[in-house]
């Protein structure tokens, strides 16, 4: 599945929820299925700055593809970050750099986040993109 197809699939999953609370409940439920990050990766190196919750993004690079895993002490934070990790995982660094996560606005996620949570989500995207750029330079 291409990154565009993954984005479209996420949009298709999130669009049916007209009520933002139901949409967030769905995002939180999805996050509960994401395995927690090992404690050894819950360190400052992987901590997202600018987020009101503790949020870690653990990146890996294998076989020419980037992989990301998120964990947080707040369910909504883990949920929204996990959406981005799901979208960008198993993709080439170039595809990650080129695709902006505007689908979150399209489905009404970012509009219903507090300014602090929006800043945190922006920091997640910056961290994911920076790691992809590093991988691209080192290929």
N, C-alpha and C. Protein backbone atom coordinates (compact mmCIF):
# COMPACT_ATOMS: atom_id res chain seq x y z
N UNK A 1 0.85 -1.17 0.00
CA UNK A 1 0.00 0.00 0.00
C UNK A 1 0.90 1.24 0.00
N UNK A 2 0.60 2.18 -0.86
CA UNK A 2 1.39 3.41 -0.93
C UNK A 2 1.04 4.32 0.25
N UNK A 3 1.87 5.31 0.45
CA UNK A 3 1.61 6.26 1.54
C UNK A 3 0.30 7.03 1.29
N UNK A 4 0.02 7.33 0.02
CA UNK A 4 -1.23 8.02 -0.31
C UNK A 4 -2.44 7.12 -0.03
N UNK A 5 -2.31 5.83 -0.32
CA UNK A 5 -3.39 4.89 -0.02
C UNK A 5 -3.60 4.75 1.48
N UNK A 6 -2.50 4.75 2.24
CA UNK A 6 -2.63 4.68 3.70
C UNK A 6 -3.33 5.92 4.23
N UNK A 7 -2.96 7.08 3.70
CA UNK A 7 -3.61 8.33 4.12
C UNK A 7 -5.11 8.26 3.82
N UNK A 8 -5.45 7.82 2.61
CA UNK A 8 -6.86 7.72 2.22
C UNK A 8 -7.62 6.75 3.10
N UNK A 9 -6.98 5.65 3.47
CA UNK A 9 -7.62 4.66 4.35
C UNK A 9 -7.89 5.26 5.73
N UNK A 10 -6.92 6.02 6.25
CA UNK A 10 -7.14 6.68 7.55
C UNK A 10 -8.27 7.70 7.46
N UNK A 11 -8.32 8.43 6.37
CA UNK A 11 -9.41 9.40 6.18
C UNK A 11 -10.75 8.66 6.14
N UNK A 12 -10.80 7.56 5.39
CA UNK A 12 -12.04 6.78 5.30
C UNK A 12 -12.48 6.25 6.66
N UNK A 13 -11.53 5.91 7.51
CA UNK A 13 -11.87 5.43 8.86
C UNK A 13 -12.40 6.54 9.75
N UNK A 14 -11.85 7.74 9.60
CA UNK A 14 -12.16 8.84 10.51
C UNK A 14 -13.32 9.72 10.06
N UNK A 15 -13.60 9.76 8.77
CA UNK A 15 -14.64 10.66 8.24
C UNK A 15 -16.06 10.35 8.72
N UNK A 16 -16.43 9.08 8.90
CA UNK A 16 -17.82 8.82 9.29
C UNK A 16 -18.24 9.44 10.63
N UNK A 17 -17.29 9.79 11.47
CA UNK A 17 -17.62 10.35 12.78
C UNK A 17 -17.88 11.84 12.65
N UNK A 18 -19.15 12.22 12.75
CA UNK A 18 -19.49 13.64 12.66
C UNK A 18 -19.22 14.35 13.99
N UNK A 19 -19.39 13.63 15.08
CA UNK A 19 -19.17 14.19 16.41
C UNK A 19 -17.68 14.09 16.74
N UNK A 20 -17.03 15.22 17.06
CA UNK A 20 -15.60 15.17 17.36
C UNK A 20 -15.26 14.29 18.56
N UNK A 21 -16.17 14.21 19.52
CA UNK A 21 -15.91 13.35 20.69
C UNK A 21 -15.89 11.88 20.29
N UNK A 22 -16.79 11.50 19.40
CA UNK A 22 -16.79 10.11 18.91
C UNK A 22 -15.51 9.82 18.11
N UNK A 23 -15.09 10.79 17.32
CA UNK A 23 -13.86 10.64 16.53
C UNK A 23 -12.66 10.44 17.46
N UNK A 24 -12.59 11.25 18.51
CA UNK A 24 -11.47 11.12 19.45
C UNK A 24 -11.56 9.80 20.22
N UNK A 25 -12.77 9.37 20.54
CA UNK A 25 -12.92 8.09 21.22
C UNK A 25 -12.40 6.96 20.33
N UNK A 26 -12.66 7.05 19.04
CA UNK A 26 -12.16 6.06 18.09
C UNK A 26 -10.63 6.10 18.03
N UNK A 27 -10.06 7.30 17.98
CA UNK A 27 -8.60 7.45 17.92
C UNK A 27 -7.98 6.87 19.20
N UNK A 28 -8.59 7.11 20.33
CA UNK A 28 -8.09 6.59 21.60
C UNK A 28 -8.19 5.06 21.62
N UNK A 29 -9.30 4.53 21.14
CA UNK A 29 -9.44 3.07 21.08
C UNK A 29 -8.38 2.44 20.18
N UNK A 30 -8.10 3.08 19.06
CA UNK A 30 -7.05 2.58 18.16
C UNK A 30 -5.69 2.58 18.88
N UNK A 31 -5.46 3.62 19.66
CA UNK A 31 -4.17 3.75 20.36
C UNK A 31 -3.99 2.66 21.41
N UNK A 32 -5.10 2.20 21.99
CA UNK A 32 -5.00 1.16 23.01
C UNK A 32 -4.45 -0.14 22.42
N UNK A 33 -4.62 -0.33 21.11
CA UNK A 33 -4.12 -1.53 20.45
C UNK A 33 -2.62 -1.42 20.12
N UNK A 34 -2.08 -0.22 20.22
CA UNK A 34 -0.66 -0.01 19.94
C UNK A 34 0.14 -0.44 21.16
N UNK A 35 1.10 -1.34 20.97
CA UNK A 35 1.89 -1.78 22.12
C UNK A 35 2.66 -0.61 22.75
N UNK A 36 2.81 -0.64 24.06
CA UNK A 36 3.58 0.43 24.70
C UNK A 36 5.04 0.37 24.28
N UNK A 37 5.66 1.50 24.32
CA UNK A 37 7.08 1.61 24.02
C UNK A 37 7.87 1.06 25.21
N UNK A 38 8.91 0.30 24.94
CA UNK A 38 9.76 -0.21 26.02
C UNK A 38 10.33 0.96 26.81
N UNK A 39 10.45 0.77 28.11
CA UNK A 39 10.96 1.84 28.98
C UNK A 39 12.34 2.33 28.57
N UNK A 40 13.14 1.48 27.98
CA UNK A 40 14.48 1.90 27.56
C UNK A 40 14.44 3.00 26.49
N UNK A 41 13.30 3.14 25.80
CA UNK A 41 13.16 4.18 24.77
C UNK A 41 12.41 5.41 25.27
N UNK A 42 11.93 5.36 26.50
CA UNK A 42 11.26 6.51 27.09
C UNK A 42 12.30 7.39 27.76
N UNK A 43 13.15 7.97 26.92
CA UNK A 43 14.25 8.81 27.37
C UNK A 43 14.18 10.14 26.63
N UNK A 44 14.95 11.11 27.11
CA UNK A 44 14.92 12.46 26.53
C UNK A 44 15.22 12.48 25.03
N UNK A 45 16.04 11.55 24.56
CA UNK A 45 16.38 11.52 23.14
C UNK A 45 15.13 11.39 22.27
N UNK A 46 14.14 10.65 22.74
CA UNK A 46 12.94 10.39 21.96
C UNK A 46 11.72 11.18 22.45
N UNK A 47 11.90 11.99 23.47
CA UNK A 47 10.82 12.81 24.02
C UNK A 47 10.52 13.97 23.08
N UNK A 48 9.25 14.20 22.83
CA UNK A 48 8.83 15.31 21.97
C UNK A 48 8.72 16.57 22.81
N UNK A 49 9.50 17.55 22.45
CA UNK A 49 9.47 18.84 23.16
C UNK A 49 8.26 19.65 22.69
N UNK A 50 7.71 20.44 23.58
CA UNK A 50 6.59 21.30 23.23
C UNK A 50 5.24 20.63 23.41
N UNK A 51 5.22 19.43 23.92
CA UNK A 51 3.97 18.71 24.15
C UNK A 51 3.65 18.79 25.64
N UNK A 52 2.39 19.01 25.98
CA UNK A 52 2.03 19.13 27.39
C UNK A 52 2.06 17.77 28.09
N UNK A 53 1.89 16.71 27.34
CA UNK A 53 2.00 15.36 27.88
C UNK A 53 3.39 14.83 27.61
N UNK A 54 3.73 13.75 28.26
CA UNK A 54 4.98 13.10 27.91
C UNK A 54 4.69 12.23 26.69
N UNK A 55 5.42 12.49 25.63
CA UNK A 55 5.23 11.79 24.37
C UNK A 55 6.59 11.42 23.81
N UNK A 56 6.73 10.16 23.46
CA UNK A 56 7.98 9.68 22.87
C UNK A 56 7.70 9.12 21.49
N UNK A 57 8.59 9.41 20.57
CA UNK A 57 8.54 8.82 19.24
C UNK A 57 9.87 8.10 19.04
N UNK A 58 9.78 6.79 18.84
CA UNK A 58 10.96 5.97 18.64
C UNK A 58 11.08 5.64 17.15
N UNK A 59 12.12 6.17 16.48
CA UNK A 59 12.30 5.89 15.06
C UNK A 59 13.30 4.76 14.83
N UNK A 60 13.09 4.03 13.74
CA UNK A 60 14.04 3.01 13.30
C UNK A 60 14.13 3.06 11.79
N UNK A 61 15.27 2.59 11.27
CA UNK A 61 15.46 2.55 9.82
C UNK A 61 15.93 1.15 9.46
N UNK A 62 15.12 0.46 8.67
CA UNK A 62 15.45 -0.91 8.27
C UNK A 62 15.08 -1.12 6.81
N UNK A 63 15.97 -1.73 6.07
CA UNK A 63 15.71 -2.09 4.67
C UNK A 63 15.21 -0.92 3.84
N UNK A 64 15.79 0.25 4.08
CA UNK A 64 15.44 1.43 3.29
C UNK A 64 14.14 2.09 3.67
N UNK A 65 13.54 1.66 4.77
CA UNK A 65 12.25 2.21 5.21
C UNK A 65 12.35 2.72 6.65
N UNK A 66 11.62 3.78 6.92
CA UNK A 66 11.54 4.33 8.27
C UNK A 66 10.36 3.69 9.00
N UNK A 67 10.53 3.51 10.29
CA UNK A 67 9.48 2.96 11.14
C UNK A 67 9.42 3.82 12.40
N UNK A 68 8.21 4.07 12.86
CA UNK A 68 8.02 4.93 14.03
C UNK A 68 7.03 4.28 15.00
N UNK A 69 7.31 4.47 16.28
CA UNK A 69 6.39 4.00 17.31
C UNK A 69 6.21 5.14 18.31
N UNK A 70 4.97 5.36 18.73
CA UNK A 70 4.64 6.43 19.67
C UNK A 70 4.14 5.85 20.98
N UNK A 71 4.39 6.57 22.04
CA UNK A 71 3.79 6.26 23.33
C UNK A 71 3.67 7.55 24.12
N UNK A 72 2.68 7.61 24.97
CA UNK A 72 2.44 8.81 25.76
C UNK A 72 1.73 8.45 27.05
N UNK A 73 1.80 9.37 27.99
CA UNK A 73 1.06 9.18 29.24
C UNK A 73 -0.37 9.69 29.11
N UNK A 74 -0.74 10.24 27.96
CA UNK A 74 -2.10 10.72 27.70
C UNK A 74 -2.67 9.98 26.49
N UNK A 75 -3.85 9.44 26.64
CA UNK A 75 -4.44 8.61 25.59
C UNK A 75 -4.66 9.36 24.28
N UNK A 76 -5.16 10.58 24.33
CA UNK A 76 -5.42 11.31 23.09
C UNK A 76 -4.11 11.66 22.39
N UNK A 77 -3.09 11.96 23.17
CA UNK A 77 -1.78 12.27 22.60
C UNK A 77 -1.20 11.04 21.92
N UNK A 78 -1.26 9.91 22.60
CA UNK A 78 -0.78 8.67 21.99
C UNK A 78 -1.58 8.35 20.73
N UNK A 79 -2.88 8.57 20.79
CA UNK A 79 -3.73 8.28 19.64
C UNK A 79 -3.40 9.10 18.41
N UNK A 80 -3.29 10.40 18.58
CA UNK A 80 -3.01 11.25 17.42
C UNK A 80 -1.59 11.03 16.90
N UNK A 81 -0.63 10.86 17.81
CA UNK A 81 0.75 10.58 17.38
C UNK A 81 0.84 9.23 16.68
N UNK A 82 0.07 8.26 17.17
CA UNK A 82 0.08 6.93 16.55
C UNK A 82 -0.48 6.96 15.14
N UNK A 83 -1.43 7.85 14.88
CA UNK A 83 -1.95 8.01 13.52
C UNK A 83 -0.82 8.42 12.57
N UNK A 84 -0.01 9.38 13.01
CA UNK A 84 1.11 9.81 12.18
C UNK A 84 2.14 8.71 12.03
N UNK A 85 2.43 8.01 13.12
CA UNK A 85 3.40 6.92 13.05
C UNK A 85 2.92 5.83 12.10
N UNK A 86 1.64 5.54 12.15
CA UNK A 86 1.08 4.53 11.25
C UNK A 86 1.20 4.97 9.79
N UNK A 87 0.89 6.23 9.54
CA UNK A 87 0.97 6.76 8.17
C UNK A 87 2.39 6.70 7.63
N UNK A 88 3.35 7.13 8.43
CA UNK A 88 4.72 7.27 7.93
C UNK A 88 5.58 6.02 8.09
N UNK A 89 5.14 5.05 8.87
CA UNK A 89 5.95 3.84 9.05
C UNK A 89 5.95 2.99 7.78
N UNK A 90 7.07 2.33 7.60
CA UNK A 90 7.28 1.44 6.46
C UNK A 90 7.27 2.21 5.14
N UNK A 91 7.75 3.45 5.20
CA UNK A 91 7.84 4.30 4.01
C UNK A 91 9.28 4.74 3.81
N UNK A 92 9.60 5.11 2.58
CA UNK A 92 10.93 5.62 2.27
C UNK A 92 11.09 7.02 2.87
N UNK A 93 12.31 7.39 3.18
CA UNK A 93 12.52 8.75 3.70
C UNK A 93 11.97 9.82 2.76
N UNK A 94 12.14 9.65 1.47
CA UNK A 94 11.67 10.64 0.50
C UNK A 94 10.15 10.80 0.55
N UNK A 95 9.42 9.70 0.62
CA UNK A 95 7.96 9.77 0.69
C UNK A 95 7.51 10.48 1.97
N UNK A 96 8.22 10.25 3.05
CA UNK A 96 7.88 10.88 4.34
C UNK A 96 8.09 12.39 4.26
N UNK A 97 9.18 12.78 3.67
CA UNK A 97 9.50 14.21 3.56
C UNK A 97 8.47 14.93 2.70
N UNK A 98 8.00 14.26 1.66
CA UNK A 98 7.10 14.91 0.69
C UNK A 98 5.65 15.01 1.15
N UNK A 99 5.18 14.09 2.00
CA UNK A 99 3.76 14.07 2.35
C UNK A 99 3.50 14.81 3.66
N UNK A 100 2.70 15.85 3.58
CA UNK A 100 2.30 16.57 4.78
C UNK A 100 1.07 15.90 5.38
N UNK A 101 0.94 15.92 6.72
CA UNK A 101 -0.17 15.23 7.37
C UNK A 101 -1.44 16.06 7.45
N UNK A 102 -1.81 16.73 6.36
CA UNK A 102 -2.99 17.59 6.40
C UNK A 102 -4.30 16.80 6.48
N UNK A 103 -4.22 15.48 6.35
CA UNK A 103 -5.44 14.67 6.49
C UNK A 103 -6.04 14.81 7.89
N UNK A 104 -5.21 15.12 8.88
CA UNK A 104 -5.74 15.29 10.24
C UNK A 104 -6.67 16.49 10.33
N UNK A 105 -6.36 17.53 9.58
CA UNK A 105 -7.27 18.68 9.52
C UNK A 105 -8.50 18.34 8.69
N UNK A 106 -8.29 17.58 7.61
CA UNK A 106 -9.40 17.21 6.74
C UNK A 106 -10.48 16.42 7.48
N UNK A 107 -10.09 15.63 8.46
CA UNK A 107 -11.06 14.80 9.19
C UNK A 107 -11.46 15.42 10.53
N UNK A 108 -11.00 16.65 10.80
CA UNK A 108 -11.45 17.36 11.99
C UNK A 108 -10.71 17.02 13.27
N UNK A 109 -9.50 16.53 13.15
CA UNK A 109 -8.72 16.22 14.36
C UNK A 109 -8.06 17.48 14.91
N UNK A 110 -7.28 18.16 14.10
CA UNK A 110 -6.49 19.28 14.61
C UNK A 110 -7.36 20.45 15.09
N UNK A 111 -8.52 20.64 14.47
CA UNK A 111 -9.38 21.76 14.87
C UNK A 111 -9.92 21.61 16.28
N UNK A 112 -9.96 20.38 16.78
CA UNK A 112 -10.53 20.15 18.10
C UNK A 112 -9.48 19.84 19.16
N UNK A 113 -8.23 20.08 18.82
CA UNK A 113 -7.15 19.93 19.80
C UNK A 113 -6.86 21.29 20.42
N UNK A 114 -6.40 21.27 21.65
CA UNK A 114 -5.98 22.53 22.29
C UNK A 114 -4.73 23.03 21.56
N UNK A 115 -4.44 24.33 21.68
CA UNK A 115 -3.23 24.86 21.04
C UNK A 115 -1.96 24.11 21.46
N UNK A 116 -1.87 23.73 22.73
CA UNK A 116 -0.69 22.98 23.19
C UNK A 116 -0.60 21.61 22.52
N UNK A 117 -1.71 20.93 22.36
CA UNK A 117 -1.70 19.62 21.70
C UNK A 117 -1.39 19.77 20.21
N UNK A 118 -1.89 20.84 19.58
CA UNK A 118 -1.54 21.09 18.17
C UNK A 118 -0.04 21.33 18.03
N UNK A 119 0.54 22.07 18.97
CA UNK A 119 1.99 22.29 18.95
C UNK A 119 2.73 20.97 19.08
N UNK A 120 2.26 20.11 19.98
CA UNK A 120 2.88 18.81 20.17
C UNK A 120 2.80 17.97 18.91
N UNK A 121 1.65 18.00 18.24
CA UNK A 121 1.46 17.25 17.00
C UNK A 121 2.39 17.78 15.90
N UNK A 122 2.55 19.08 15.87
CA UNK A 122 3.48 19.68 14.91
C UNK A 122 4.92 19.23 15.22
N UNK A 123 5.24 19.14 16.49
CA UNK A 123 6.58 18.66 16.88
C UNK A 123 6.79 17.20 16.50
N UNK A 124 5.72 16.40 16.56
CA UNK A 124 5.81 15.00 16.13
C UNK A 124 6.16 14.96 14.65
N UNK A 125 5.44 15.74 13.86
CA UNK A 125 5.71 15.77 12.41
C UNK A 125 7.14 16.23 12.14
N UNK A 126 7.61 17.24 12.85
CA UNK A 126 8.98 17.72 12.66
C UNK A 126 10.00 16.64 12.99
N UNK A 127 9.76 15.90 14.07
CA UNK A 127 10.68 14.82 14.48
C UNK A 127 10.69 13.70 13.44
N UNK A 128 9.51 13.32 12.96
CA UNK A 128 9.41 12.27 11.94
C UNK A 128 10.14 12.71 10.67
N UNK A 129 9.91 13.93 10.25
CA UNK A 129 10.53 14.45 9.03
C UNK A 129 12.05 14.58 9.21
N UNK A 130 12.50 15.06 10.35
CA UNK A 130 13.94 15.21 10.60
C UNK A 130 14.64 13.85 10.56
N UNK A 131 14.01 12.83 11.11
CA UNK A 131 14.61 11.50 11.08
C UNK A 131 14.67 10.98 9.64
N UNK A 132 13.62 11.20 8.87
CA UNK A 132 13.62 10.78 7.47
C UNK A 132 14.73 11.51 6.69
N UNK A 133 14.91 12.80 6.96
CA UNK A 133 15.98 13.55 6.29
C UNK A 133 17.36 13.00 6.66
N UNK A 134 17.54 12.64 7.92
CA UNK A 134 18.80 12.04 8.37
C UNK A 134 19.04 10.71 7.65
N UNK A 135 18.01 9.89 7.56
CA UNK A 135 18.15 8.60 6.88
C UNK A 135 18.47 8.79 5.40
N UNK A 136 17.86 9.78 4.78
CA UNK A 136 18.09 10.07 3.36
C UNK A 136 19.54 10.48 3.13
N UNK A 137 20.07 11.31 4.01
CA UNK A 137 21.48 11.74 3.90
C UNK A 137 22.46 10.59 4.10
N UNK A 138 22.07 9.63 4.93
CA UNK A 138 22.97 8.53 5.27
C UNK A 138 22.81 7.30 4.38
N UNK A 139 21.96 7.37 3.38
CA UNK A 139 21.78 6.22 2.49
C UNK A 139 22.92 6.10 1.51
